[in-house]
Amino acid sequence: MTDLTHFDATGAAHMVDVSAKAHTDRQAVAEGSVTMTAQTLALVTGGTAKKGDVAGVARLAGIMAAKRTSDLIPLCHPLPLSKVSIEVTPDPDLPGLRLTATVGTSGQTGVEMEALTAVSVACLTVYDMLKAAQKDMVIGPIRLLKKTGGKSGDWHAPS
């Protein structure tokens, strides 16, 4: 197991010092899904959900969440993000929505947490916008698909 960088030699939690790290282009992609009935999915694809544009609002919520990640995750560095995009794709085979967050920066630390936060909040927003129609929707799995850049290099989730 690799050393956990958020703990010092005594085991106390601390923010990692990234001041000596090089500025590099970094990107992370995370995915999640919201499983629902075909009838609830039809509200999204037909544009008839009572609260409005489910995909559009989820997209905005995910972008806002990525920008606030360091406020939510205690040891995350605040980062200047150069890109945040959220894709919301209906999947009738699920049935439900598949969401993908892509986050980029040029900096000294990665954006994996920003991508995971973005997709998580986007999924929660889908639930919030559709809960009047269906309360037993299922969120997840949520996972990191890939990350590029930085000292540890590129990583891709196994297929």
C-alpha atoms as a PDB file:
ATOM      1  CA  MET A   1       0.000   0.000   0.000  1.00  0.00           C
ATOM      2  CA  THR A   2       1.285   3.476  -0.833  1.00  0.00           C
ATOM      3  CA  ASP A   3       1.793   6.080   1.850  1.00  0.00           C
ATOM      4  CA  LEU A   4      -1.274   8.180   2.590  1.00  0.00           C
ATOM      5  CA  THR A   5      -0.208  11.774   2.022  1.00  0.00           C
ATOM      6  CA  HIS A   6      -2.891  13.442   4.153  1.00  0.00           C
ATOM      7  CA  PHE A   7      -1.352  12.151   7.413  1.00  0.00           C
ATOM      8  CA  ASP A   8       1.890  13.197   9.053  1.00  0.00           C
ATOM      9  CA  ALA A   9       4.335  10.888  10.844  1.00  0.00           C
ATOM     10  CA  THR A  10       2.192  10.958  14.014  1.00  0.00           C
ATOM     11  CA  GLY A  11      -1.010  10.112  12.123  1.00  0.00           C
ATOM     12  CA  ALA A  12      -2.498  13.599  12.333  1.00  0.00           C
ATOM     13  CA  ALA A  13      -4.424  14.816   9.307  1.00  0.00           C
ATOM     14  CA  HIS A  14      -2.886  17.726   7.393  1.00  0.00           C
ATOM     15  CA  MET A  15      -3.136  19.480   4.053  1.00  0.00           C
ATOM     16  CA  VAL A  16      -0.444  18.246   1.671  1.00  0.00           C
ATOM     17  CA  ASP A  17       2.237  20.810   0.813  1.00  0.00           C
ATOM     18  CA  VAL A  18       2.257  21.063  -2.987  1.00  0.00           C
ATOM     19  CA  SER A  19       4.470  24.168  -3.198  1.00  0.00           C
ATOM     20  CA  ALA A  20       7.434  22.232  -4.659  1.00  0.00           C
ATOM     21  CA  LYS A  21       5.328  20.463  -7.295  1.00  0.00           C
ATOM     22  CA  ALA A  22       5.472  21.571 -10.905  1.00  0.00           C
ATOM     23  CA  HIS A  23       2.498  23.249 -12.563  1.00  0.00           C
ATOM     24  CA  THR A  24       1.181  20.788 -15.147  1.00  0.00           C
ATOM     25  CA  ASP A  25      -2.009  20.394 -17.124  1.00  0.00           C
ATOM     26  CA  ARG A  26      -4.286  18.002 -15.270  1.00  0.00           C
ATOM     27  CA  GLN A  27      -7.662  16.525 -16.077  1.00  0.00           C
ATOM     28  CA  ALA A  28     -10.021  14.094 -14.372  1.00  0.00           C
ATOM     29  CA  VAL A  29     -13.187  12.391 -15.556  1.00  0.00           C
ATOM     30  CA  ALA A  30     -15.761  10.858 -13.195  1.00  0.00           C
ATOM     31  CA  GLU A  31     -19.044   9.131 -13.896  1.00  0.00           C
ATOM     32  CA  GLY A  32     -22.258   8.382 -12.054  1.00  0.00           C
ATOM     33  CA  SER A  33     -25.799   7.323 -12.792  1.00  0.00           C
ATOM     34  CA  VAL A  34     -29.322   7.722 -11.512  1.00  0.00           C
ATOM     35  CA  THR A  35     -31.515   4.676 -12.080  1.00  0.00           C
ATOM     36  CA  MET A  36     -35.265   5.300 -12.312  1.00  0.00           C
ATOM     37  CA  THR A  37     -38.357   3.860 -13.933  1.00  0.00           C
ATOM     38  CA  ALA A  38     -38.961   4.287 -17.648  1.00  0.00           C
ATOM     39  CA  GLN A  39     -41.891   6.566 -16.761  1.00  0.00           C
ATOM     40  CA  THR A  40     -39.667   8.895 -14.744  1.00  0.00           C
ATOM     41  CA  LEU A  41     -37.021   8.906 -17.464  1.00  0.00           C
ATOM     42  CA  ALA A  42     -39.756   9.913 -19.926  1.00  0.00           C
ATOM     43  CA  LEU A  43     -40.328  13.072 -17.847  1.00  0.00           C
ATOM     44  CA  VAL A  44     -36.707  14.030 -18.506  1.00  0.00           C
ATOM     45  CA  THR A  45     -36.539  13.096 -22.166  1.00  0.00           C
ATOM     46  CA  GLY A  46     -39.966  14.604 -22.873  1.00  0.00           C
ATOM     47  CA  GLY A  47     -39.187  17.834 -21.034  1.00  0.00           C
ATOM     48  CA  THR A  48     -42.249  17.478 -18.805  1.00  0.00           C
ATOM     49  CA  ALA A  49     -40.669  17.287 -15.341  1.00  0.00           C
ATOM     50  CA  LYS A  50     -42.519  19.678 -13.019  1.00  0.00           C
ATOM     51  CA  LYS A  51     -39.340  21.410 -11.834  1.00  0.00           C
ATOM     52  CA  GLY A  52     -38.119  22.089 -15.365  1.00  0.00           C
ATOM     53  CA  ASP A  53     -35.000  21.182 -17.349  1.00  0.00           C
ATOM     54  CA  VAL A  54     -33.546  18.333 -15.273  1.00  0.00           C
ATOM     55  CA  ALA A  55     -30.374  17.883 -17.335  1.00  0.00           C
ATOM     56  CA  GLY A  56     -29.695  21.625 -17.556  1.00  0.00           C
ATOM     57  CA  VAL A  57     -30.093  22.226 -13.835  1.00  0.00           C
ATOM     58  CA  ALA A  58     -27.995  19.123 -12.984  1.00  0.00           C
ATOM     59  CA  ARG A  59     -25.289  20.388 -15.340  1.00  0.00           C
ATOM     60  CA  LEU A  60     -25.182  23.784 -13.587  1.00  0.00           C
ATOM     61  CA  ALA A  61     -25.207  22.168 -10.135  1.00  0.00           C
ATOM     62  CA  GLY A  62     -22.254  19.966 -11.083  1.00  0.00           C
ATOM     63  CA  ILE A  63     -20.266  22.919 -12.373  1.00  0.00           C
ATOM     64  CA  MET A  64     -20.997  24.907  -9.214  1.00  0.00           C
ATOM     65  CA  ALA A  65     -20.030  21.929  -7.041  1.00  0.00           C
ATOM     66  CA  ALA A  66     -16.681  21.465  -8.774  1.00  0.00           C
ATOM     67  CA  LYS A  67     -15.871  25.113  -8.044  1.00  0.00           C
ATOM     68  CA  ARG A  68     -16.729  24.638  -4.339  1.00  0.00           C
ATOM     69  CA  THR A  69     -14.971  21.301  -3.727  1.00  0.00           C
ATOM     70  CA  SER A  70     -12.363  22.746  -1.360  1.00  0.00           C
ATOM     71  CA  ASP A  71     -15.220  24.151   0.766  1.00  0.00           C
ATOM     72  CA  LEU A  72     -16.755  20.678   1.069  1.00  0.00           C
ATOM     73  CA  ILE A  73     -13.771  18.295   1.320  1.00  0.00           C
ATOM     74  CA  PRO A  74     -11.613  19.361   4.274  1.00  0.00           C
ATOM     75  CA  LEU A  75      -8.104  18.736   2.907  1.00  0.00           C
ATOM     76  CA  CYS A  76      -8.635  19.709  -0.746  1.00  0.00           C
ATOM     77  CA  HIS A  77      -6.722  22.637  -2.135  1.00  0.00           C
ATOM     78  CA  PRO A  78      -8.708  25.465  -3.736  1.00  0.00           C
ATOM     79  CA  LEU A  79      -7.887  25.259  -7.441  1.00  0.00           C
ATOM     80  CA  PRO A  80      -8.277  27.584 -10.414  1.00  0.00           C
ATOM     81  CA  LEU A  81     -10.342  25.392 -12.720  1.00  0.00           C
ATOM     82  CA  SER A  82      -9.911  25.869 -16.455  1.00  0.00           C
ATOM     83  CA  LYS A  83     -12.683  23.477 -17.486  1.00  0.00           C
ATOM     84  CA  VAL A  84     -15.763  21.885 -15.954  1.00  0.00           C
ATOM     85  CA  SER A  85     -18.247  20.057 -18.147  1.00  0.00           C
ATOM     86  CA  ILE A  86     -21.100  17.760 -17.238  1.00  0.00           C
ATOM     87  CA  GLU A  87     -22.690  15.415 -19.750  1.00  0.00           C
ATOM     88  CA  VAL A  88     -26.152  14.037 -18.980  1.00  0.00           C
ATOM     89  CA  THR A  89     -27.142  11.123 -21.189  1.00  0.00           C
ATOM     90  CA  PRO A  90     -30.477   9.290 -21.046  1.00  0.00           C
ATOM     91  CA  ASP A  91     -30.031   5.499 -21.037  1.00  0.00           C
ATOM     92  CA  PRO A  92     -33.262   3.571 -21.623  1.00  0.00           C
ATOM     93  CA  ASP A  93     -31.462   0.283 -20.862  1.00  0.00           C
ATOM     94  CA  LEU A  94     -30.688   1.431 -17.294  1.00  0.00           C
ATOM     95  CA  PRO A  95     -33.340   2.988 -17.283  1.00  0.00           C
ATOM     96  CA  GLY A  96     -32.078   6.346 -16.123  1.00  0.00           C
ATOM     97  CA  LEU A  97     -29.436   8.966 -16.673  1.00  0.00           C
ATOM     98  CA  ARG A  98     -25.687   8.549 -16.991  1.00  0.00           C
ATOM     99  CA  LEU A  99     -23.665  11.585 -15.940  1.00  0.00           C
ATOM    100  CA  THR A 100     -20.024  12.349 -16.703  1.00  0.00           C
ATOM    101  CA  ALA A 101     -17.962  15.195 -15.256  1.00  0.00           C
ATOM    102  CA  THR A 102     -14.727  16.383 -16.859  1.00  0.00           C
ATOM    103  CA  VAL A 103     -12.599  18.857 -14.910  1.00  0.00           C
ATOM    104  CA  GLY A 104      -9.307  20.472 -15.903  1.00  0.00           C
ATOM    105  CA  THR A 105      -6.692  22.775 -14.425  1.00  0.00           C
ATOM    106  CA  SER A 106      -3.091  23.768 -14.814  1.00  0.00           C
ATOM    107  CA  GLY A 107      -1.692  23.518 -11.352  1.00  0.00           C
ATOM    108  CA  GLN A 108       0.225  21.677  -8.684  1.00  0.00           C
ATOM    109  CA  THR A 109      -2.383  19.109  -7.689  1.00  0.00           C
ATOM    110  CA  GLY A 110      -5.001  17.022  -9.430  1.00  0.00           C
ATOM    111  CA  VAL A 111      -8.716  17.549  -9.962  1.00  0.00           C
ATOM    112  CA  GLU A 112     -10.031  14.065  -9.151  1.00  0.00           C
ATOM    113  CA  MET A 113     -12.018  15.311  -6.161  1.00  0.00           C
ATOM    114  CA  GLU A 114     -13.513  18.137  -8.209  1.00  0.00           C
ATOM    115  CA  ALA A 115     -14.705  15.684 -10.878  1.00  0.00           C
ATOM    116  CA  LEU A 116     -16.132  13.283  -8.273  1.00  0.00           C
ATOM    117  CA  THR A 117     -17.841  16.133  -6.409  1.00  0.00           C
ATOM    118  CA  ALA A 118     -19.278  17.533  -9.633  1.00  0.00           C
ATOM    119  CA  VAL A 119     -20.806  14.235 -10.743  1.00  0.00           C
ATOM    120  CA  SER A 120     -22.087  13.464  -7.234  1.00  0.00           C
ATOM    121  CA  VAL A 121     -23.900  16.789  -6.896  1.00  0.00           C
ATOM    122  CA  ALA A 122     -25.235  16.527 -10.451  1.00  0.00           C
ATOM    123  CA  CYS A 123     -26.712  13.106  -9.570  1.00  0.00           C
ATOM    124  CA  LEU A 124     -28.187  14.475  -6.340  1.00  0.00           C
ATOM    125  CA  THR A 125     -29.740  17.323  -8.318  1.00  0.00           C
ATOM    126  CA  VAL A 126     -31.372  14.856 -10.718  1.00  0.00           C
ATOM    127  CA  TYR A 127     -32.843  13.096  -7.681  1.00  0.00           C
ATOM    128  CA  ASP A 128     -34.066  16.376  -6.202  1.00  0.00           C
ATOM    129  CA  MET A 129     -35.731  17.449  -9.426  1.00  0.00           C
ATOM    130  CA  LEU A 130     -37.520  14.111  -9.894  1.00  0.00           C
ATOM    131  CA  LYS A 131     -38.262  12.988  -6.328  1.00  0.00           C
ATOM    132  CA  ALA A 132     -41.910  14.077  -6.592  1.00  0.00           C
ATOM    133  CA  ALA A 133     -42.333  11.515  -9.376  1.00  0.00           C
ATOM    134  CA  GLN A 134     -40.235   8.733  -7.831  1.00  0.00           C
ATOM    135  CA  LYS A 135     -38.622   8.465  -4.423  1.00  0.00           C
ATOM    136  CA  ASP A 136     -36.863   5.114  -4.889  1.00  0.00           C
ATOM    137  CA  MET A 137     -34.392   6.203  -7.582  1.00  0.00           C
ATOM    138  CA  VAL A 138     -30.886   4.837  -7.063  1.00  0.00           C
ATOM    139  CA  ILE A 139     -27.761   6.977  -7.323  1.00  0.00           C
ATOM    140  CA  GLY A 140     -24.504   5.276  -8.263  1.00  0.00           C
ATOM    141  CA  PRO A 141     -22.110   3.859  -8.774  1.00  0.00           C
ATOM    142  CA  ILE A 142     -19.960   6.966  -8.811  1.00  0.00           C
ATOM    143  CA  ARG A 143     -16.328   6.487  -9.762  1.00  0.00           C
ATOM    144  CA  LEU A 144     -13.242   8.063 -11.243  1.00  0.00           C
ATOM    145  CA  LEU A 145     -12.777   7.004 -14.875  1.00  0.00           C
ATOM    146  CA  LYS A 146      -9.414   8.602 -15.561  1.00  0.00           C
ATOM    147  CA  LYS A 147      -6.952  11.274 -14.602  1.00  0.00           C
ATOM    148  CA  THR A 148      -4.097  12.772 -16.558  1.00  0.00           C
ATOM    149  CA  GLY A 149      -1.064  14.841 -15.652  1.00  0.00           C
ATOM    150  CA  GLY A 150       0.944  15.317 -12.522  1.00  0.00           C
ATOM    151  CA  LYS A 151       3.805  13.405 -10.938  1.00  0.00           C
ATOM    152  CA  SER A 152       1.951  10.082 -10.856  1.00  0.00           C
ATOM    153  CA  GLY A 153       1.093  10.335 -14.562  1.00  0.00           C
ATOM    154  CA  ASP A 154      -2.008   9.094 -16.305  1.00  0.00           C
ATOM    155  CA  TRP A 155      -4.456   6.581 -14.832  1.00  0.00           C
ATOM    156  CA  HIS A 156      -7.489   4.852 -16.345  1.00  0.00           C
ATOM    157  CA  ALA A 157     -10.082   2.784 -14.506  1.00  0.00           C
ATOM    158  CA  PRO A 158     -10.108  -0.872 -15.487  1.00  0.00           C
ATOM    159  CA  SER A 159     -12.890  -1.685 -17.944  1.00  0.00           C
END
